[in-house]
Protein backbone atom coordinates (compact mmCIF):
# COMPACT_ATOMS: atom_id res chain seq x y z
CA MET A 1 0.00 0.00 0.00
CA ARG A 2 1.44 3.35 -0.99
CA LEU A 3 0.75 6.66 0.69
CA GLY A 4 -0.71 9.47 -1.36
CA SER A 5 0.81 12.29 0.73
CA ARG A 6 4.20 13.66 1.76
CA PRO A 7 6.38 11.30 3.79
CA THR A 8 5.52 12.72 7.21
CA ALA A 9 4.31 11.28 10.48
CA LEU A 10 0.85 12.49 9.50
CA GLY A 11 0.95 10.40 6.32
CA LEU A 12 1.81 7.29 8.27
CA MET A 13 -0.92 8.08 10.80
CA LEU A 14 -3.42 8.26 7.95
CA LEU A 15 -2.27 4.83 6.79
CA TYR A 16 -2.83 3.49 10.30
CA ALA A 17 -6.25 5.13 10.45
CA ALA A 18 -7.24 3.45 7.20
CA VAL A 19 -6.39 0.04 8.66
CA VAL A 20 -8.26 0.72 11.90
CA GLY A 21 -11.22 2.04 9.91
CA ALA A 22 -11.60 -1.32 8.20
CA SER A 23 -13.21 -2.80 11.30
CA GLU A 24 -15.73 0.04 11.38
CA ALA A 25 -16.52 -0.54 7.71
CA GLU A 26 -17.09 -4.23 8.49
CA GLU A 27 -19.71 -3.24 11.08
CA LEU A 28 -21.48 -1.05 8.51
CA HIS A 29 -21.33 -3.85 5.94
CA TYR A 30 -22.63 -6.54 8.32
CA PRO A 31 -24.65 -4.85 11.11
CA GLN A 32 -25.59 -7.48 13.73
CA GLY A 33 -24.15 -10.04 11.30
CA GLU A 34 -26.72 -9.27 8.58
CA HIS A 35 -25.44 -8.50 5.09
CA ARG A 36 -26.36 -5.04 3.74
CA ALA A 37 -26.58 -5.32 -0.05
CA ASP A 38 -27.00 -1.55 -0.44
CA TYR A 39 -23.63 -1.05 1.30
CA ASP A 40 -21.96 -3.08 -1.48
CA ARG A 41 -23.62 -0.97 -4.10
CA GLU A 42 -22.71 2.33 -2.41
CA ALA A 43 -19.13 1.28 -1.72
CA LEU A 44 -18.30 -0.35 -5.04
CA LEU A 45 -20.22 1.77 -7.52
CA GLY A 46 -18.11 4.60 -6.15
CA VAL A 47 -19.16 8.21 -5.91
CA GLN A 48 -22.76 9.19 -5.26
CA GLU A 49 -23.42 10.23 -8.86
CA ASP A 50 -22.60 6.67 -9.98
CA VAL A 51 -25.11 5.34 -7.48
CA ASP A 52 -27.68 7.83 -8.77
CA GLU A 53 -27.03 6.64 -12.35
CA TYR A 54 -27.66 3.06 -11.27
CA VAL A 55 -30.96 4.03 -9.64
CA LYS A 56 -32.07 6.09 -12.67
CA LEU A 57 -31.57 3.24 -15.13
CA GLY A 58 -35.04 2.12 -16.21
CA HIS A 59 -36.25 -1.36 -15.27
CA GLU A 60 -36.55 -2.55 -18.88
CA GLU A 61 -33.11 -1.24 -19.83
CA GLN A 62 -31.67 -2.73 -16.66
CA GLN A 63 -33.11 -6.14 -17.59
CA ARG A 64 -31.94 -5.87 -21.20
CA ARG A 65 -28.36 -5.20 -20.15
CA LEU A 66 -28.50 -7.87 -17.46
CA GLN A 67 -29.73 -10.45 -19.98
CA SER A 68 -26.85 -9.54 -22.29
CA ILE A 69 -24.38 -10.05 -19.44
CA ILE A 70 -25.96 -13.41 -18.55
CA LYS A 71 -25.46 -14.61 -22.14
CA LYS A 72 -21.79 -13.64 -22.01
CA ILE A 73 -21.24 -15.45 -18.70
CA ASP A 74 -22.82 -18.57 -20.25
CA ALA A 75 -19.66 -19.64 -22.08
CA ASP A 76 -21.09 -22.87 -23.53
CA SER A 77 -24.45 -21.26 -24.43
CA ASP A 78 -26.47 -24.03 -22.79
CA GLY A 79 -28.79 -21.59 -21.03
CA PHE A 80 -27.33 -22.11 -17.54
CA LEU A 81 -24.58 -20.48 -15.48
CA THR A 82 -22.36 -22.96 -13.65
CA GLU A 83 -20.01 -22.29 -10.74
CA SER A 84 -17.06 -22.41 -13.15
CA GLU A 85 -18.62 -19.94 -15.60
CA LEU A 86 -19.53 -17.50 -12.83
CA SER A 87 -16.08 -17.80 -11.28
CA GLN A 88 -14.29 -17.22 -14.60
CA TRP A 89 -16.47 -14.18 -15.31
CA ILE A 90 -15.83 -12.63 -11.89
CA GLN A 91 -12.07 -13.14 -12.26
CA MET A 92 -12.19 -11.51 -15.70
CA SER A 93 -14.12 -8.60 -14.19
CA PHE A 94 -11.51 -8.16 -11.44
CA LYS A 95 -8.71 -8.00 -14.00
CA HIS A 96 -10.61 -5.69 -16.37
CA TYR A 97 -11.24 -3.06 -13.72
CA ALA A 98 -7.71 -3.32 -12.35
CA MET A 99 -6.36 -2.67 -15.86
CA GLN A 100 -8.83 0.20 -16.43
CA GLU A 101 -7.79 1.84 -13.18
CA ALA A 102 -4.11 1.51 -14.08
CA LYS A 103 -4.76 3.10 -17.49
CA GLN A 104 -6.52 6.05 -15.85
CA GLN A 105 -3.67 6.45 -13.37
CA PHE A 106 -1.14 6.36 -16.21
CA VAL A 107 -2.69 9.46 -17.77
CA GLU A 108 -2.60 11.28 -14.42
CA TYR A 109 1.02 10.32 -13.73
CA ASP A 110 2.28 11.16 -17.24
CA LYS A 111 2.68 14.87 -16.51
CA ASN A 112 4.19 15.89 -19.87
CA SER A 113 1.93 13.55 -21.90
CA ASP A 114 4.86 11.92 -23.71
CA GLY A 115 3.51 8.38 -23.34
CA THR A 116 5.81 7.35 -20.49
CA VAL A 117 5.84 7.80 -16.71
CA THR A 118 9.24 8.61 -15.21
CA TRP A 119 10.23 8.02 -11.59
CA ASP A 120 10.15 11.78 -11.01
CA GLU A 121 6.62 12.01 -12.43
CA TYR A 122 5.53 9.17 -10.19
CA ASN A 123 6.93 10.99 -7.14
CA ILE A 124 5.30 14.29 -8.08
CA GLN A 125 1.91 12.65 -8.48
CA MET A 126 2.22 10.69 -5.24
CA TYR A 127 4.00 13.16 -2.97
CA ASP A 128 3.91 16.55 -4.77
CA ARG A 129 7.71 16.53 -5.01
CA VAL A 130 10.61 14.33 -6.02
CA ILE A 131 11.90 12.23 -3.12
CA ASP A 132 15.33 10.65 -3.07
CA PHE A 133 16.46 8.49 -0.16
CA ASP A 134 19.96 7.10 0.36
CA GLU A 135 19.64 3.33 0.10
CA ASN A 136 22.43 2.77 2.63
CA THR A 137 21.51 5.32 5.30
CA ALA A 138 18.78 4.54 7.80
CA LEU A 139 16.82 7.40 9.38
CA ASP A 140 16.67 7.94 13.13
CA ASP A 141 12.93 8.59 13.27
CA ALA A 142 11.07 5.25 13.20
CA GLU A 143 8.13 6.53 11.14
CA GLU A 144 10.38 8.25 8.60
CA GLU A 145 12.52 5.10 8.33
CA SER A 146 9.38 3.03 7.72
CA PHE A 147 8.43 5.38 4.90
CA ARG A 148 11.97 5.25 3.48
CA GLN A 149 11.73 1.46 3.30
CA LEU A 150 8.35 1.64 1.51
CA HIS A 151 9.64 4.24 -0.94
CA LEU A 152 12.78 2.22 -1.75
CA LYS A 153 10.62 -0.87 -2.39
CA ASP A 154 8.49 1.15 -4.80
CA LYS A 155 11.61 2.36 -6.59
CA LYS A 156 12.97 -1.18 -6.92
CA ARG A 157 9.65 -2.41 -8.33
CA PHE A 158 9.55 0.57 -10.72
CA GLU A 159 13.01 -0.30 -12.02
CA LYS A 160 12.10 -3.99 -12.42
CA ALA A 161 8.95 -3.10 -14.38
CA ASN A 162 11.06 -0.99 -16.77
CA GLN A 163 11.99 -3.79 -19.18
CA ASP A 164 13.66 -1.67 -21.85
CA SER A 165 15.59 0.49 -19.34
CA GLY A 166 14.15 3.61 -20.99
CA PRO A 167 13.67 6.94 -19.21
CA GLY A 168 10.17 5.95 -18.06
CA LEU A 169 7.49 3.28 -18.05
CA SER A 170 5.24 2.59 -21.02
CA LEU A 171 1.58 1.81 -20.31
CA GLU A 172 2.29 -1.93 -20.29
CA GLU A 173 5.24 -1.45 -17.94
CA PHE A 174 3.19 0.84 -15.70
CA ILE A 175 0.55 -1.90 -15.40
CA ALA A 176 3.35 -4.31 -14.44
CA PHE A 177 4.47 -1.82 -11.78
CA GLU A 178 0.96 -1.31 -10.35
CA HIS A 179 -0.13 -4.97 -10.68
CA PRO A 180 3.00 -7.16 -10.70
CA GLU A 181 0.85 -10.18 -9.86
CA GLU A 182 -0.76 -9.92 -13.32
CA VAL A 183 2.51 -9.97 -15.29
CA ASP A 184 4.69 -13.06 -15.70
CA TYR A 185 8.04 -11.26 -15.82
CA MET A 186 7.37 -9.71 -12.39
CA THR A 187 6.68 -13.02 -10.61
CA GLU A 188 10.29 -13.62 -9.53
CA PHE A 189 10.49 -10.06 -8.23
CA VAL A 190 7.31 -10.50 -6.17
CA ILE A 191 8.72 -13.68 -4.62
CA GLN A 192 12.12 -12.11 -3.91
CA GLU A 193 10.54 -9.04 -2.33
CA ALA A 194 8.44 -11.25 -0.05
CA LEU A 195 11.50 -13.29 0.96
CA GLU A 196 13.46 -10.14 1.78
CA GLU A 197 10.65 -9.01 4.05
CA HIS A 198 9.75 -12.28 5.79
CA ASP A 199 12.69 -14.70 5.47
CA LYS A 200 14.62 -13.48 8.52
CA ASN A 201 17.18 -16.31 8.64
CA GLY A 202 17.89 -16.20 4.90
CA ASP A 203 17.26 -19.88 4.19
CA GLY A 204 14.98 -19.20 1.22
CA PHE A 205 11.81 -20.26 3.04
CA VAL A 206 9.28 -18.67 5.41
CA SER A 207 8.67 -20.59 8.62
CA LEU A 208 5.51 -20.32 10.72
CA GLU A 209 7.36 -18.05 13.15
CA GLU A 210 8.47 -15.79 10.29
CA PHE A 211 4.95 -15.90 8.85
CA LEU A 212 3.55 -14.57 12.13
CA GLY A 213 6.06 -11.73 12.18
CA ASP A 214 6.77 -9.99 15.48
CA TYR A 215 4.10 -11.85 17.43
CA ARG A 216 5.16 -13.24 20.78
CA ARG A 217 2.68 -14.88 23.13
CA ASP A 218 1.89 -12.98 26.31
CA PRO A 219 3.58 -15.06 29.05
CA THR A 220 0.52 -14.55 31.27
CA ALA A 221 -1.87 -15.93 28.62
CA ASN A 222 -2.91 -19.57 28.53
CA GLU A 223 -3.40 -19.64 24.77
CA ASP A 224 -2.86 -17.59 21.63
CA PRO A 225 -5.41 -14.91 20.68
CA GLU A 226 -8.07 -15.78 18.10
CA TRP A 227 -6.37 -13.94 15.23
CA ILE A 228 -3.16 -15.93 15.73
CA LEU A 229 -5.11 -19.21 15.69
CA VAL A 230 -6.71 -18.10 12.40
CA GLU A 231 -3.32 -17.21 10.90
CA LYS A 232 -1.81 -20.51 11.99
CA ASP A 233 -4.72 -22.35 10.37
CA ARG A 234 -4.22 -20.43 7.13
CA PHE A 235 -0.49 -21.26 7.16
CA VAL A 236 -1.11 -24.98 7.65
CA ASN A 237 -4.21 -25.52 5.51
CA ASP A 238 -4.05 -22.84 2.82
CA TYR A 239 -0.40 -22.17 2.06
CA ASP A 240 1.88 -25.00 3.23
CA LYS A 241 0.79 -27.44 0.53
CA ASP A 242 3.57 -30.00 1.10
CA ASN A 243 3.14 -29.90 4.90
CA ASP A 244 6.86 -29.39 5.60
CA GLY A 245 6.27 -26.58 8.09
CA ARG A 246 7.59 -23.80 5.85
CA LEU A 247 6.64 -21.92 2.71
CA ASP A 248 8.78 -22.40 -0.38
CA PRO A 249 8.82 -19.63 -3.04
CA GLN A 250 5.73 -20.93 -4.90
CA GLU A 251 3.78 -21.42 -1.69
CA LEU A 252 4.86 -17.95 -0.62
CA LEU A 253 3.45 -16.57 -3.86
CA SER A 254 0.00 -17.94 -3.00
CA TRP A 255 0.16 -15.93 0.25
CA VAL A 256 1.42 -12.57 -0.99
CA VAL A 257 -0.54 -12.40 -4.26
CA PRO A 258 -4.28 -11.65 -3.95
CA ASN A 259 -6.21 -14.87 -4.46
CA ASN A 260 -8.84 -13.60 -6.87
CA GLN A 261 -9.63 -17.15 -7.92
CA GLY A 262 -10.61 -18.13 -4.40
CA ILE A 263 -12.70 -15.00 -3.92
CA ALA A 264 -14.45 -15.57 -7.26
CA GLN A 265 -15.22 -19.22 -6.48
CA GLU A 266 -16.62 -18.30 -3.09
CA GLU A 267 -18.90 -15.66 -4.63
CA ALA A 268 -20.03 -18.05 -7.38
CA LEU A 269 -20.95 -20.70 -4.81
CA HIS A 270 -22.76 -18.09 -2.71
CA LEU A 271 -24.86 -16.94 -5.68
CA ILE A 272 -25.83 -20.48 -6.66
CA ASP A 273 -26.68 -21.33 -3.06
CA GLU A 274 -28.92 -18.27 -2.75
CA MET A 275 -30.54 -18.25 -6.21
CA ASP A 276 -30.79 -21.89 -7.34
CA LEU A 277 -34.51 -22.53 -6.95
CA ASN A 278 -34.65 -26.10 -8.32
CA GLY A 279 -31.48 -27.46 -6.72
CA ASP A 280 -29.61 -28.31 -9.94
CA LYS A 281 -26.46 -26.44 -8.81
CA LYS A 282 -26.61 -23.94 -11.68
CA LEU A 283 -28.56 -20.81 -12.54
CA SER A 284 -31.03 -20.27 -15.34
CA GLU A 285 -31.87 -16.81 -16.70
CA GLU A 286 -35.29 -17.10 -15.04
CA GLU A 287 -33.73 -17.79 -11.63
CA ILE A 288 -31.41 -14.81 -12.00
CA LEU A 289 -34.20 -12.45 -13.06
CA GLU A 290 -36.31 -13.75 -10.17
CA ASN A 291 -33.47 -12.68 -7.83
CA GLN A 292 -32.31 -9.69 -9.86
CA ASP A 293 -31.53 -7.46 -6.88
CA LEU A 294 -29.22 -10.09 -5.37
CA PHE A 295 -27.39 -10.59 -8.66
CA LEU A 296 -26.98 -6.83 -9.12
CA THR A 297 -25.45 -6.47 -5.66
CA SER A 298 -22.87 -9.21 -6.20
CA GLU A 299 -19.39 -9.43 -7.68
CA ALA A 300 -20.87 -11.18 -10.73
CA THR A 301 -21.94 -7.75 -12.02
CA ASP A 302 -19.39 -5.81 -9.95
CA TYR A 303 -22.32 -4.60 -7.85
CA GLY A 304 -24.25 -3.31 -10.85
CA ARG A 305 -21.31 -1.45 -12.29
CA GLN A 306 -21.22 -3.65 -15.40
CA LEU A 307 -24.64 -2.38 -16.43
CA HIS A 308 -22.97 0.99 -17.05
CA ASP A 309 -19.93 -0.41 -18.86
CA ASP A 310 -20.60 -1.43 -22.47
CA TYR A 311 -17.48 -3.61 -22.36
CA PHE A 312 -19.72 -6.08 -20.52
CA TYR A 313 -23.25 -5.63 -21.84
CA HIS A 314 -22.46 -4.72 -25.49
CA ASP A 315 -23.16 -7.43 -28.06
CA GLU A 316 -19.46 -7.83 -28.91
CA LEU A 317 -17.23 -8.37 -25.85
């Protein structure tokens, strides 16, 4: 996560506030444990005018666009949406919007509109000035040193994304910089960066202790806190595939790279569970239209956003 302000204590406090605020957002999203569909729509459609546009879309036009999207999800054209088809569509949607966001950012960062983004332009957009830290000189202030480390990591990733060693990043290279997990030539860098951060003994693996970071059990406590138990379970059951008690580079990659596939599969299963009226483990167009509001407040339509993006509902995808 990169800060969008000058490298001051205030900037780092804002980063901390964003993390703390996540728990408050969770309460708004699931008050008393009940899911608020309108929260998804408000949060993920974006600004209020986008929400207003969604509301203003007529019922017939909304259905027409939704039916077009359903046909595109139905890859084998058999009239039903399976878990696999829904999952593949949601993953494609994730990637599409990530790429669109990167393209919009590229225009903002390219200050002189020459088709490339230089390191200086990146700094000016992010921090309003060019920042240059000495790689070999640590700072006395803990917060400033933390920012220095983040900034140096960004610079290293920027340089790795710059395949042709030109003065700046092309659009494709900028996408590799912003989303290294989506680009094959950045995979080794992502793994190496994770090892540098977590592999404290330098053996090329991440142990459970290294995975948990600075956590040390309170000597007065009888057992670990709940969040540590959850993390230990994730380490054992989600990441350590060969059960050798440590994460090798490929296992490490599954931890540090967002698992969009898992998220998409979970959402696909949720939709089928909620909307499958006849128990055949797939969705017909009739079942979807019967539960239209649920489908339009799910990741399958990016919370209704796809109805306003002709990339998804246009006849030719």
